[in-house]
Protein backbone atom coordinates (compact mmCIF):
# COMPACT_ATOMS: atom_id res chain seq x y z
CA UNK A 1 17.77 165.13 169.98
CA UNK A 2 18.05 163.52 173.40
CA UNK A 3 14.33 162.94 174.08
CA UNK A 4 10.97 163.59 172.43
CA UNK A 5 9.23 166.94 172.75
CA UNK A 6 5.44 167.54 172.44
CA UNK A 7 5.91 168.82 168.90
CA UNK A 8 7.56 165.53 167.91
CA UNK A 9 4.33 163.70 168.73
CA UNK A 10 2.47 166.19 166.56
CA UNK A 11 4.92 165.62 163.72
CA UNK A 12 4.42 161.85 163.90
CA UNK A 13 0.64 162.30 163.70
CA UNK A 14 1.15 164.57 160.67
CA UNK A 15 3.49 162.06 159.02
CA UNK A 16 0.97 159.27 159.56
CA UNK A 17 -1.86 161.36 158.09
CA UNK A 18 0.21 162.08 154.98
CA UNK A 19 0.90 158.36 154.62
CA UNK A 20 -2.73 157.36 155.21
CA UNK A 21 -1.99 155.85 158.63
CA UNK A 22 -4.39 156.75 161.45
CA UNK A 23 -3.05 157.73 164.83
CA UNK A 24 -3.91 158.81 168.36
CA UNK A 25 -2.51 161.94 170.00
CA UNK A 26 -2.27 161.53 173.78
CA UNK A 27 -1.94 164.60 176.01
CA UNK A 28 -1.27 164.92 179.74
CA UNK A 29 -4.04 167.27 180.85
CA UNK A 30 -4.08 166.98 184.67
CA UNK A 31 -1.88 165.82 187.55
CA UNK A 32 -2.78 164.74 191.08
CA UNK A 33 0.15 164.82 193.47
CA UNK A 34 3.47 164.62 191.66
CA UNK A 35 4.44 163.52 188.19
CA UNK A 36 7.67 162.98 186.26
CA UNK A 37 6.13 164.83 183.30
CA UNK A 38 4.51 168.24 182.98
CA UNK A 39 1.00 169.09 181.80
CA UNK A 40 1.11 169.38 178.02
CA UNK A 41 3.49 166.44 177.54
CA UNK A 42 2.35 164.45 174.51
CA UNK A 43 2.72 161.01 173.03
CA UNK A 44 1.64 159.73 169.61
CA UNK A 45 0.72 156.18 168.64
CA UNK A 46 0.06 155.17 165.01
CA UNK A 47 -2.00 152.23 163.84
CA UNK A 48 1.09 150.61 162.31
CA UNK A 49 2.88 150.50 165.68
CA UNK A 50 5.04 153.60 165.44
CA UNK A 51 5.07 155.71 168.58
CA UNK A 52 6.96 158.55 170.20
CA UNK A 53 6.93 160.13 173.65
CA UNK A 54 6.37 158.87 177.20
CA UNK A 55 4.64 159.83 180.43
CA UNK A 56 6.18 157.65 183.10
CA UNK A 57 9.58 156.45 181.94
CA UNK A 58 8.20 153.01 181.06
CA UNK A 59 5.75 152.22 183.90
CA UNK A 60 2.51 152.89 182.05
CA UNK A 61 3.43 153.07 178.38
CA UNK A 62 2.34 149.52 177.51
CA UNK A 63 -1.12 150.17 178.97
CA UNK A 64 -1.26 153.55 177.20
CA UNK A 65 -0.45 151.99 173.82
CA UNK A 66 -3.15 149.36 174.36
CA UNK A 67 -5.63 152.07 175.33
CA UNK A 68 -4.72 154.02 172.18
CA UNK A 69 -5.57 151.00 170.03
CA UNK A 70 -9.00 150.76 171.69
CA UNK A 71 -9.64 154.47 171.23
CA UNK A 72 -8.66 154.29 167.57
CA UNK A 73 -11.02 151.36 167.01
CA UNK A 74 -13.87 153.14 168.80
CA UNK A 75 -13.15 156.47 167.12
CA UNK A 76 -14.06 158.67 170.08
CA UNK A 77 -11.79 160.64 172.43
CA UNK A 78 -11.57 159.71 176.09
CA UNK A 79 -9.72 160.82 179.21
CA UNK A 80 -8.13 158.09 181.32
CA UNK A 81 -6.55 158.27 184.79
CA UNK A 82 -3.34 156.37 185.51
CA UNK A 83 -1.77 156.02 188.94
CA UNK A 84 -3.65 157.22 192.05
CA UNK A 85 -7.41 156.90 191.54
CA UNK A 86 -7.10 154.85 188.36
CA UNK A 87 -9.31 151.83 187.61
CA UNK A 88 -6.14 150.12 186.40
CA UNK A 89 -4.88 148.89 189.77
CA UNK A 90 -1.92 147.11 188.19
CA UNK A 91 -0.50 150.37 186.75
CA UNK A 92 1.29 152.45 189.36
CA UNK A 93 3.49 155.48 188.81
CA UNK A 94 6.85 155.63 190.64
CA UNK A 95 6.17 159.18 191.83
CA UNK A 96 3.02 157.99 193.62
CA UNK A 97 0.75 160.49 191.86
CA UNK A 98 -1.96 160.29 189.27
CA UNK A 99 -2.15 161.63 185.72
CA UNK A 100 -5.09 162.21 183.39
CA UNK A 101 -4.39 161.48 179.74
CA UNK A 102 -6.59 162.74 176.91
CA UNK A 103 -6.69 160.30 173.97
CA UNK A 104 -7.60 162.05 170.70
CA UNK A 105 -8.07 159.68 167.75
CA UNK A 106 -7.47 160.95 164.24
CA UNK A 107 -6.78 164.63 165.09
CA UNK A 108 -7.87 167.03 162.36
CA UNK A 109 -5.05 166.68 159.82
CA UNK A 110 -5.55 170.19 158.49
CA UNK A 111 -5.25 171.79 161.91
CA UNK A 112 -2.21 169.68 162.80
CA UNK A 113 -0.52 170.67 159.55
CA UNK A 114 -1.40 174.32 160.13
CA UNK A 115 0.08 174.24 163.64
CA UNK A 116 3.29 172.70 162.33
CA UNK A 117 3.47 175.25 159.51
CA UNK A 118 3.25 178.07 162.06
CA UNK A 119 6.06 176.54 164.10
CA UNK A 120 8.19 176.11 160.98
CA UNK A 121 7.66 179.84 160.35
CA UNK A 122 8.92 180.49 163.89
CA UNK A 123 5.45 181.43 165.13
CA UNK A 124 3.73 180.03 168.25
CA UNK A 125 0.79 177.72 167.67
CA UNK A 126 -2.22 176.42 169.57
CA UNK A 127 -4.28 173.31 168.97
CA UNK A 128 -7.69 172.70 170.54
CA UNK A 129 -8.23 169.10 171.62
CA UNK A 130 -11.73 168.86 173.06
CA UNK A 131 -11.76 171.20 176.05
CA UNK A 132 -7.96 171.21 176.29
CA UNK A 133 -5.86 173.83 174.52
CA UNK A 134 -2.34 172.69 173.71
CA UNK A 135 0.32 175.36 173.17
CA UNK A 136 3.52 175.01 171.18
CA UNK A 137 6.47 177.40 171.01
CA UNK A 138 9.05 177.64 168.22
CA UNK A 139 12.19 175.68 168.99
CA UNK A 140 15.07 177.22 170.91
CA UNK A 141 17.54 178.77 168.47
CA UNK A 142 21.14 179.57 169.42
CA UNK A 143 23.45 181.96 167.57
CA UNK A 144 26.94 181.49 169.03
CA UNK A 145 29.89 183.63 168.01
CA UNK A 146 33.41 183.02 169.29
CA UNK A 147 36.49 180.96 168.76
CA UNK A 148 38.37 177.98 170.09
CA UNK A 149 37.25 174.91 171.95
CA UNK A 150 34.74 176.84 174.10
CA UNK A 151 32.68 177.72 171.04
CA UNK A 152 32.94 174.25 169.50
CA UNK A 153 31.89 172.58 172.75
CA UNK A 154 28.84 174.83 173.04
CA UNK A 155 27.80 174.23 169.41
CA UNK A 156 28.24 170.46 169.70
CA UNK A 157 26.37 170.14 172.99
CA UNK A 158 23.51 172.40 171.92
CA UNK A 159 23.06 170.49 168.67
CA UNK A 160 23.07 167.16 170.52
CA UNK A 161 20.39 168.51 172.85
CA UNK A 162 18.22 169.40 169.85
CA UNK A 163 18.77 173.15 169.60
CA UNK A 164 18.71 174.91 166.22
CA UNK A 165 22.32 176.19 166.24
CA UNK A 166 24.19 178.68 164.06
CA UNK A 167 27.87 179.01 165.00
CA UNK A 168 30.36 181.59 163.70
CA UNK A 169 34.10 181.89 164.25
CA UNK A 170 36.99 183.83 162.69
CA UNK A 171 39.30 181.92 160.38
CA UNK A 172 40.99 179.51 160.98
CA UNK A 173 38.66 178.48 163.84
CA UNK A 174 35.66 178.06 161.55
CA UNK A 175 34.53 174.45 161.15
CA UNK A 176 31.71 174.21 158.59
CA UNK A 177 31.53 170.44 159.00
CA UNK A 178 30.63 171.02 162.67
CA UNK A 179 28.20 173.86 162.05
CA UNK A 180 30.60 176.75 162.62
CA UNK A 181 30.67 179.11 159.63
CA UNK A 182 33.45 181.63 158.92
CA UNK A 183 33.18 185.05 160.56
CA UNK A 184 34.88 187.18 157.96
CA UNK A 185 35.04 190.62 159.56
CA UNK A 186 35.01 192.03 163.11
CA UNK A 187 32.93 194.99 161.98
CA UNK A 188 29.74 193.36 160.68
CA UNK A 189 27.53 190.59 162.02
CA UNK A 190 26.75 187.66 159.72
CA UNK A 191 23.29 187.53 158.18
CA UNK A 192 21.37 185.36 160.64
CA UNK A 193 17.70 185.36 161.66
CA UNK A 194 16.77 185.91 165.29
CA UNK A 195 13.48 186.25 167.16
CA UNK A 196 11.89 185.99 170.60
CA UNK A 197 12.99 182.34 170.89
CA UNK A 198 16.64 182.99 169.98
CA UNK A 199 19.67 183.26 172.26
CA UNK A 200 22.72 185.19 171.05
CA UNK A 201 25.92 184.26 172.88
CA UNK A 202 29.45 185.64 172.50
CA UNK A 203 32.23 183.18 173.36
CA UNK A 204 35.22 185.38 172.52
CA UNK A 205 38.33 185.73 174.62
CA UNK A 206 39.73 188.21 172.10
CA UNK A 207 37.72 191.35 172.88
CA UNK A 208 38.63 192.96 169.55
CA UNK A 209 35.94 190.79 167.93
CA UNK A 210 33.34 192.06 170.38
CA UNK A 211 33.90 195.78 169.93
CA UNK A 212 31.66 196.32 166.92
CA UNK A 213 29.77 193.02 166.74
CA UNK A 214 28.30 193.14 170.23
CA UNK A 215 26.45 196.48 169.79
CA UNK A 216 24.98 195.12 166.57
CA UNK A 217 23.91 191.90 168.28
CA UNK A 218 22.12 193.87 171.00
CA UNK A 219 19.94 195.39 168.28
CA UNK A 220 18.75 191.94 167.19
CA UNK A 221 15.63 190.41 168.79
CA UNK A 222 16.42 187.64 171.28
CA UNK A 223 15.25 186.43 174.67
CA UNK A 224 18.88 186.14 175.78
CA UNK A 225 22.03 188.12 175.02
CA UNK A 226 25.17 187.00 176.82
CA UNK A 227 28.96 187.03 176.71
CA UNK A 228 31.58 185.01 178.59
CA UNK A 229 34.17 186.60 180.83
CA UNK A 230 34.92 187.60 184.40
CA UNK A 231 33.05 190.30 186.29
CA UNK A 232 35.93 192.68 185.64
CA UNK A 233 35.80 191.89 181.93
CA UNK A 234 32.07 192.45 181.88
CA UNK A 235 32.39 195.78 183.70
CA UNK A 236 34.89 196.95 181.07
CA UNK A 237 32.59 195.65 178.33
CA UNK A 238 29.65 197.66 179.67
CA UNK A 239 31.76 200.81 179.94
CA UNK A 240 32.78 200.40 176.30
CA UNK A 241 29.14 200.00 175.23
CA UNK A 242 28.19 203.19 177.08
CA UNK A 243 31.03 205.05 175.40
CA UNK A 244 29.59 203.91 172.05
CA UNK A 245 26.19 205.39 173.01
CA UNK A 246 24.43 202.03 173.05
CA UNK A 247 21.01 202.60 174.69
CA UNK A 248 20.99 201.76 178.38
CA UNK A 249 18.07 199.34 178.00
CA UNK A 250 20.11 197.26 175.57
CA UNK A 251 23.16 197.35 177.78
CA UNK A 252 21.08 196.11 180.71
CA UNK A 253 19.86 193.20 178.58
CA UNK A 254 23.40 191.87 178.19
CA UNK A 255 24.34 189.04 180.56
CA UNK A 256 27.89 188.67 181.83
CA UNK A 257 29.57 185.79 183.65
CA UNK A 258 27.02 183.60 181.92
CA UNK A 259 26.07 180.06 182.86
CA UNK A 260 24.69 178.28 185.91
CA UNK A 261 28.02 176.84 187.07
CA UNK A 262 30.18 179.73 188.32
CA UNK A 263 33.89 180.01 187.66
CA UNK A 264 34.29 177.01 185.37
CA UNK A 265 37.31 176.93 183.04
CA UNK A 266 36.69 173.61 181.31
CA UNK A 267 35.18 173.94 177.80
CA UNK A 268 32.76 171.05 178.21
CA UNK A 269 31.56 172.26 181.62
CA UNK A 270 31.28 175.83 180.36
CA UNK A 271 29.15 174.62 177.44
CA UNK A 272 26.91 172.66 179.81
CA UNK A 273 26.67 175.66 182.14
CA UNK A 274 25.65 178.04 179.34
CA UNK A 275 23.22 175.62 177.71
CA UNK A 276 21.50 174.93 181.03
CA UNK A 277 20.92 178.65 181.54
CA UNK A 278 19.61 179.09 178.00
CA UNK A 279 17.16 176.20 178.36
CA UNK A 280 16.00 177.48 181.75
CA UNK A 281 15.30 180.96 180.37
CA UNK A 282 13.79 179.66 177.13
CA UNK A 283 11.29 177.48 178.96
CA UNK A 284 10.29 180.45 181.11
CA UNK A 285 9.81 182.84 178.19
CA UNK A 286 8.43 180.36 175.64
CA UNK A 287 5.26 179.78 177.65
CA UNK A 288 4.63 183.50 177.95
CA UNK A 289 5.15 183.98 174.22
CA UNK A 290 2.66 181.23 173.39
CA UNK A 291 0.16 182.59 175.90
CA UNK A 292 0.11 185.91 174.07
CA UNK A 293 0.01 184.31 170.62
CA UNK A 294 -2.60 185.05 168.00
CA UNK A 295 -5.70 183.07 167.14
CA UNK A 296 -6.39 179.62 168.51
CA UNK A 297 -6.11 176.80 165.99
CA UNK A 298 -9.18 174.65 165.93
CA UNK A 299 -11.35 176.98 167.98
């Protein structure tokens, strides 16, 4: 994992509760002007000094930790402005804006645990913190099928970023020690779990492995289906899918020439290009999925 996510703050609060260590969950609830963090960003501070998350890249964190200690001692939530309009004139944000942070001491351990359990079941969760409702989406999951250095680069980079990755490659390209399991047959997909927060990506240059696996993959739930290749390759791929009577709606869901950096032929750059597109689309769809989730935790 490269940097903390809101759910990581929630997990630290949960860990502290299980260990008998009180903590404060801090949530960015409003922005005036500009901010380097989005609304919903969270930080956690435990009474024993452990902390995770940030709001300003280091400009305000010392003051925030001190505020958390005061809130924990007082035992009541409070909202504090930092930056523009703040009573703390010595704390300024580099973006020139102002942020409102909600400090919640000792969040309900049962509700925190329930939210995390939902996420572990790949379900969206909500947590009510005073008048603020915090939403969490299941983590981005990537199922990548292919071979060669292109596949390995994508698996390695996605895992380093913090994605839940399942990689599959035909023998001898499989590398179980690097998270790439053997793909034993070109006629049947491996038994993986996918959902609305999963991306399924084909990184084959040998189209024989796509012929039967790709139609099966298009039947699996995912927010993203994609396959590498030129526009000509993708046109031929789509014609083959039509000839196999794959429903048009599924064919239209398949991305070709994938990635945000066009025409790259370097494995590392291709991996970066694909991952950037996946993260962009995941962040767009994850919020919608959480918005339409079931009941509100803590309501």
